[in-house]
Amino acid sequence: MKNLTKEEFEIYCLLIAADADFDITKQELIAMGAHTDPVMFVKVYNGFEADNDMERIETIRECKALYIKDELDRQNLFDKMKKVFFADGRFQAAEQSIFTMLRKLI
């Protein structure tokens, strides 16, 4: 997915967190969508679903350069992702692996 705004980028990262165990739960959707414009969320979700793993990584790399300017930006994004990772009350091995990968990538 190309040309994301900062808010769209955050939603995209949250979707990666939610999909880490290959099962986006209702609790994770609620955690992501609670403070998001529903139309924007659906747009980003559809783009996320259309992307393959390599496209997702490339999207993160491109947007990171635009929107993650310092450690505070990075920490704020990871705080939001942690809420999604733990929204369903679990933090499985697959999720831990994706979290570690995102820590290295962002």
N, C-alpha and C. Protein backbone atom coordinates (compact mmCIF):
# COMPACT_ATOMS: atom_id res chain seq x y z
N MET A 1 0.86 -1.17 0.00
CA MET A 1 0.00 0.00 0.00
C MET A 1 0.91 1.23 0.00
N LYS A 2 0.67 2.12 -0.86
CA LYS A 2 1.53 3.30 -1.03
C LYS A 2 0.84 4.57 -0.56
N ASN A 3 1.65 5.58 -0.31
CA ASN A 3 1.19 6.94 0.00
C ASN A 3 0.26 7.01 1.21
N LEU A 4 0.68 6.42 2.31
CA LEU A 4 -0.12 6.47 3.52
C LEU A 4 0.15 7.75 4.30
N THR A 5 -0.90 8.28 4.91
CA THR A 5 -0.71 9.37 5.86
C THR A 5 -0.16 8.77 7.15
N LYS A 6 0.22 9.61 8.08
CA LYS A 6 0.75 9.10 9.36
C LYS A 6 -0.30 8.25 10.08
N GLU A 7 -1.53 8.70 10.11
CA GLU A 7 -2.58 7.94 10.78
C GLU A 7 -2.84 6.61 10.06
N GLU A 8 -2.82 6.63 8.74
CA GLU A 8 -3.00 5.38 7.98
C GLU A 8 -1.84 4.42 8.24
N PHE A 9 -0.62 4.96 8.34
CA PHE A 9 0.54 4.14 8.65
C PHE A 9 0.38 3.46 10.01
N GLU A 10 -0.09 4.21 10.99
CA GLU A 10 -0.31 3.64 12.31
C GLU A 10 -1.34 2.51 12.26
N ILE A 11 -2.42 2.72 11.54
CA ILE A 11 -3.44 1.68 11.38
C ILE A 11 -2.83 0.46 10.71
N TYR A 12 -2.02 0.68 9.69
CA TYR A 12 -1.38 -0.41 8.97
C TYR A 12 -0.50 -1.22 9.93
N CYS A 13 0.27 -0.56 10.77
CA CYS A 13 1.11 -1.25 11.75
C CYS A 13 0.26 -2.01 12.76
N LEU A 14 -0.84 -1.43 13.17
CA LEU A 14 -1.73 -2.11 14.11
C LEU A 14 -2.34 -3.35 13.48
N LEU A 15 -2.63 -3.28 12.19
CA LEU A 15 -3.15 -4.46 11.49
C LEU A 15 -2.10 -5.56 11.43
N ILE A 16 -0.86 -5.19 11.23
CA ILE A 16 0.22 -6.19 11.24
C ILE A 16 0.28 -6.85 12.62
N ALA A 17 0.16 -6.06 13.66
CA ALA A 17 0.17 -6.61 15.02
C ALA A 17 -1.02 -7.55 15.23
N ALA A 18 -2.18 -7.14 14.80
CA ALA A 18 -3.38 -7.95 14.99
C ALA A 18 -3.33 -9.25 14.19
N ASP A 19 -2.71 -9.20 13.03
CA ASP A 19 -2.66 -10.36 12.14
C ASP A 19 -1.47 -11.27 12.41
N ALA A 20 -0.66 -10.95 13.40
CA ALA A 20 0.57 -11.71 13.67
C ALA A 20 0.30 -13.19 13.92
N ASP A 21 -0.83 -13.50 14.55
CA ASP A 21 -1.16 -14.90 14.81
C ASP A 21 -2.15 -15.43 13.77
N PHE A 22 -2.30 -14.71 12.68
CA PHE A 22 -3.16 -15.10 11.55
C PHE A 22 -4.64 -15.14 11.92
N ASP A 23 -5.01 -14.40 12.95
CA ASP A 23 -6.39 -14.40 13.41
C ASP A 23 -6.69 -13.04 14.03
N ILE A 24 -7.28 -12.14 13.25
CA ILE A 24 -7.65 -10.83 13.78
C ILE A 24 -8.96 -11.00 14.55
N THR A 25 -8.88 -10.82 15.87
CA THR A 25 -10.04 -11.04 16.73
C THR A 25 -10.90 -9.78 16.84
N LYS A 26 -12.10 -9.98 17.34
CA LYS A 26 -13.01 -8.87 17.57
C LYS A 26 -12.39 -7.87 18.56
N GLN A 27 -11.73 -8.39 19.59
CA GLN A 27 -11.10 -7.52 20.59
C GLN A 27 -10.00 -6.67 19.96
N GLU A 28 -9.24 -7.28 19.05
CA GLU A 28 -8.17 -6.53 18.38
C GLU A 28 -8.75 -5.46 17.46
N LEU A 29 -9.83 -5.80 16.76
CA LEU A 29 -10.48 -4.80 15.90
C LEU A 29 -11.00 -3.63 16.72
N ILE A 30 -11.57 -3.93 17.87
CA ILE A 30 -12.06 -2.86 18.76
C ILE A 30 -10.90 -2.01 19.24
N ALA A 31 -9.80 -2.64 19.63
CA ALA A 31 -8.62 -1.89 20.11
C ALA A 31 -8.07 -0.99 19.01
N MET A 32 -8.10 -1.45 17.77
CA MET A 32 -7.58 -0.65 16.66
C MET A 32 -8.53 0.46 16.26
N GLY A 33 -9.80 0.14 16.21
CA GLY A 33 -10.77 1.08 15.65
C GLY A 33 -11.34 2.08 16.63
N ALA A 34 -11.01 1.94 17.88
CA ALA A 34 -11.61 2.79 18.91
C ALA A 34 -11.39 4.28 18.67
N HIS A 35 -10.25 4.65 18.15
CA HIS A 35 -9.93 6.06 17.97
C HIS A 35 -9.62 6.38 16.50
N THR A 36 -10.27 5.66 15.61
CA THR A 36 -9.96 5.78 14.20
C THR A 36 -11.23 6.05 13.40
N ASP A 37 -11.10 6.86 12.38
CA ASP A 37 -12.20 7.09 11.46
C ASP A 37 -12.53 5.77 10.76
N PRO A 38 -13.78 5.31 10.83
CA PRO A 38 -14.14 4.01 10.24
C PRO A 38 -13.87 3.91 8.74
N VAL A 39 -14.08 4.96 8.00
CA VAL A 39 -13.85 4.94 6.55
C VAL A 39 -12.36 4.75 6.27
N MET A 40 -11.53 5.47 7.02
CA MET A 40 -10.09 5.35 6.85
C MET A 40 -9.64 3.93 7.23
N PHE A 41 -10.19 3.42 8.32
CA PHE A 41 -9.83 2.08 8.76
C PHE A 41 -10.13 1.05 7.68
N VAL A 42 -11.30 1.11 7.10
CA VAL A 42 -11.69 0.15 6.05
C VAL A 42 -10.77 0.29 4.84
N LYS A 43 -10.43 1.52 4.46
CA LYS A 43 -9.52 1.74 3.33
C LYS A 43 -8.17 1.08 3.59
N VAL A 44 -7.62 1.31 4.78
CA VAL A 44 -6.31 0.75 5.11
C VAL A 44 -6.42 -0.77 5.23
N TYR A 45 -7.47 -1.26 5.84
CA TYR A 45 -7.66 -2.70 5.97
C TYR A 45 -7.69 -3.38 4.61
N ASN A 46 -8.42 -2.81 3.68
CA ASN A 46 -8.51 -3.39 2.33
C ASN A 46 -7.14 -3.39 1.65
N GLY A 47 -6.38 -2.32 1.81
CA GLY A 47 -5.04 -2.26 1.24
C GLY A 47 -4.10 -3.26 1.90
N PHE A 48 -4.22 -3.38 3.21
CA PHE A 48 -3.42 -4.34 3.96
C PHE A 48 -3.69 -5.76 3.48
N GLU A 49 -4.95 -6.09 3.33
CA GLU A 49 -5.33 -7.43 2.88
C GLU A 49 -4.83 -7.72 1.47
N ALA A 50 -4.74 -6.70 0.64
CA ALA A 50 -4.29 -6.89 -0.75
C ALA A 50 -2.77 -7.06 -0.84
N ASP A 51 -2.04 -6.57 0.15
CA ASP A 51 -0.58 -6.64 0.14
C ASP A 51 -0.08 -8.01 0.57
N ASN A 52 1.03 -8.43 -0.03
CA ASN A 52 1.69 -9.64 0.45
C ASN A 52 2.72 -9.24 1.51
N ASP A 53 3.39 -10.23 2.09
CA ASP A 53 4.33 -9.94 3.18
C ASP A 53 5.44 -8.98 2.77
N MET A 54 6.00 -9.16 1.60
CA MET A 54 7.08 -8.27 1.14
C MET A 54 6.58 -6.84 0.94
N GLU A 55 5.39 -6.70 0.40
CA GLU A 55 4.81 -5.36 0.22
C GLU A 55 4.56 -4.70 1.57
N ARG A 56 4.15 -5.48 2.55
CA ARG A 56 3.93 -4.94 3.89
C ARG A 56 5.23 -4.42 4.49
N ILE A 57 6.29 -5.18 4.34
CA ILE A 57 7.60 -4.76 4.86
C ILE A 57 8.06 -3.49 4.15
N GLU A 58 7.89 -3.45 2.84
CA GLU A 58 8.29 -2.26 2.08
C GLU A 58 7.47 -1.03 2.49
N THR A 59 6.19 -1.21 2.72
CA THR A 59 5.34 -0.11 3.18
C THR A 59 5.84 0.42 4.51
N ILE A 60 6.19 -0.47 5.42
CA ILE A 60 6.70 -0.04 6.72
C ILE A 60 8.01 0.72 6.56
N ARG A 61 8.90 0.21 5.74
CA ARG A 61 10.19 0.90 5.53
C ARG A 61 9.98 2.31 4.97
N GLU A 62 9.13 2.42 3.96
CA GLU A 62 8.90 3.73 3.34
C GLU A 62 8.27 4.71 4.33
N CYS A 63 7.27 4.25 5.04
CA CYS A 63 6.56 5.15 5.97
C CYS A 63 7.39 5.47 7.20
N LYS A 64 8.21 4.52 7.62
CA LYS A 64 9.09 4.78 8.77
C LYS A 64 9.95 6.01 8.49
N ALA A 65 10.49 6.06 7.28
CA ALA A 65 11.36 7.18 6.92
C ALA A 65 10.60 8.51 6.97
N LEU A 66 9.30 8.47 6.71
CA LEU A 66 8.50 9.69 6.71
C LEU A 66 7.99 10.09 8.09
N TYR A 67 7.61 9.10 8.90
CA TYR A 67 6.83 9.41 10.10
C TYR A 67 7.51 9.08 11.43
N ILE A 68 8.56 8.30 11.43
CA ILE A 68 9.24 7.98 12.69
C ILE A 68 10.51 8.82 12.73
N LYS A 69 10.41 9.95 13.37
CA LYS A 69 11.51 10.91 13.39
C LYS A 69 12.45 10.75 14.57
N ASP A 70 11.94 10.18 15.67
CA ASP A 70 12.77 10.04 16.85
C ASP A 70 12.26 8.89 17.71
N GLU A 71 12.93 8.66 18.81
CA GLU A 71 12.56 7.54 19.69
C GLU A 71 11.17 7.71 20.27
N LEU A 72 10.73 8.93 20.50
CA LEU A 72 9.39 9.16 21.03
C LEU A 72 8.32 8.71 20.04
N ASP A 73 8.49 9.05 18.75
CA ASP A 73 7.56 8.58 17.72
C ASP A 73 7.51 7.06 17.69
N ARG A 74 8.67 6.46 17.75
CA ARG A 74 8.79 4.99 17.72
C ARG A 74 8.09 4.38 18.93
N GLN A 75 8.35 4.92 20.10
CA GLN A 75 7.76 4.37 21.33
C GLN A 75 6.25 4.54 21.34
N ASN A 76 5.75 5.68 20.87
CA ASN A 76 4.30 5.88 20.80
C ASN A 76 3.62 4.85 19.90
N LEU A 77 4.24 4.56 18.76
CA LEU A 77 3.69 3.56 17.85
C LEU A 77 3.71 2.17 18.51
N PHE A 78 4.80 1.82 19.16
CA PHE A 78 4.89 0.52 19.79
C PHE A 78 3.93 0.39 20.98
N ASP A 79 3.67 1.47 21.68
CA ASP A 79 2.69 1.43 22.77
C ASP A 79 1.30 1.10 22.21
N LYS A 80 0.97 1.67 21.07
CA LYS A 80 -0.32 1.37 20.43
C LYS A 80 -0.36 -0.08 19.96
N MET A 81 0.74 -0.55 19.38
CA MET A 81 0.78 -1.93 18.91
C MET A 81 0.68 -2.92 20.07
N LYS A 82 1.29 -2.61 21.19
CA LYS A 82 1.22 -3.50 22.36
C LYS A 82 -0.23 -3.69 22.80
N LYS A 83 -1.03 -2.63 22.75
CA LYS A 83 -2.44 -2.74 23.13
C LYS A 83 -3.16 -3.73 22.22
N VAL A 84 -2.81 -3.72 20.95
CA VAL A 84 -3.43 -4.65 20.00
C VAL A 84 -2.91 -6.07 20.25
N PHE A 85 -1.61 -6.22 20.43
CA PHE A 85 -1.06 -7.54 20.70
C PHE A 85 -1.73 -8.20 21.91
N PHE A 86 -2.02 -7.41 22.94
CA PHE A 86 -2.58 -7.97 24.17
C PHE A 86 -4.10 -7.85 24.26
N ALA A 87 -4.75 -7.33 23.22
CA ALA A 87 -6.20 -7.10 23.27
C ALA A 87 -7.00 -8.38 23.47
N ASP A 88 -6.51 -9.48 22.93
CA ASP A 88 -7.24 -10.74 23.06
C ASP A 88 -6.76 -11.55 24.27
N GLY A 89 -5.91 -10.96 25.10
CA GLY A 89 -5.46 -11.60 26.32
C GLY A 89 -4.35 -12.62 26.12
N ARG A 90 -3.81 -12.69 24.91
CA ARG A 90 -2.74 -13.65 24.61
C ARG A 90 -1.59 -12.93 23.94
N PHE A 91 -0.41 -13.50 24.06
CA PHE A 91 0.77 -12.99 23.34
C PHE A 91 1.56 -14.23 22.92
N GLN A 92 1.09 -14.84 21.84
CA GLN A 92 1.62 -16.12 21.39
C GLN A 92 2.99 -15.97 20.72
N ALA A 93 3.64 -17.11 20.50
CA ALA A 93 4.98 -17.12 19.90
C ALA A 93 5.01 -16.40 18.56
N ALA A 94 4.01 -16.60 17.72
CA ALA A 94 3.97 -15.93 16.42
C ALA A 94 3.90 -14.41 16.60
N GLU A 95 3.12 -13.97 17.56
CA GLU A 95 3.00 -12.55 17.84
C GLU A 95 4.32 -11.99 18.38
N GLN A 96 4.96 -12.74 19.24
CA GLN A 96 6.25 -12.31 19.78
C GLN A 96 7.28 -12.17 18.66
N SER A 97 7.25 -13.10 17.73
CA SER A 97 8.18 -13.06 16.60
C SER A 97 7.94 -11.83 15.72
N ILE A 98 6.69 -11.53 15.44
CA ILE A 98 6.35 -10.35 14.63
C ILE A 98 6.74 -9.08 15.39
N PHE A 99 6.48 -9.04 16.69
CA PHE A 99 6.84 -7.89 17.50
C PHE A 99 8.34 -7.64 17.43
N THR A 100 9.14 -8.69 17.55
CA THR A 100 10.59 -8.56 17.48
C THR A 100 11.02 -8.06 16.11
N MET A 101 10.41 -8.60 15.06
CA MET A 101 10.72 -8.17 13.69
C MET A 101 10.39 -6.68 13.51
N LEU A 102 9.24 -6.26 14.03
CA LEU A 102 8.84 -4.86 13.91
C LEU A 102 9.80 -3.96 14.69
N ARG A 103 10.26 -4.41 15.85
CA ARG A 103 11.22 -3.62 16.64
C ARG A 103 12.50 -3.37 15.84
N LYS A 104 12.92 -4.37 15.07
CA LYS A 104 14.13 -4.22 14.25
C LYS A 104 13.87 -3.36 13.02
N LEU A 105 12.66 -3.45 12.47
CA LEU A 105 12.32 -2.77 11.23
C LEU A 105 12.01 -1.29 11.44
N ILE A 106 11.38 -0.98 12.56
CA ILE A 106 10.94 0.41 12.77
C ILE A 106 11.93 1.14 13.65
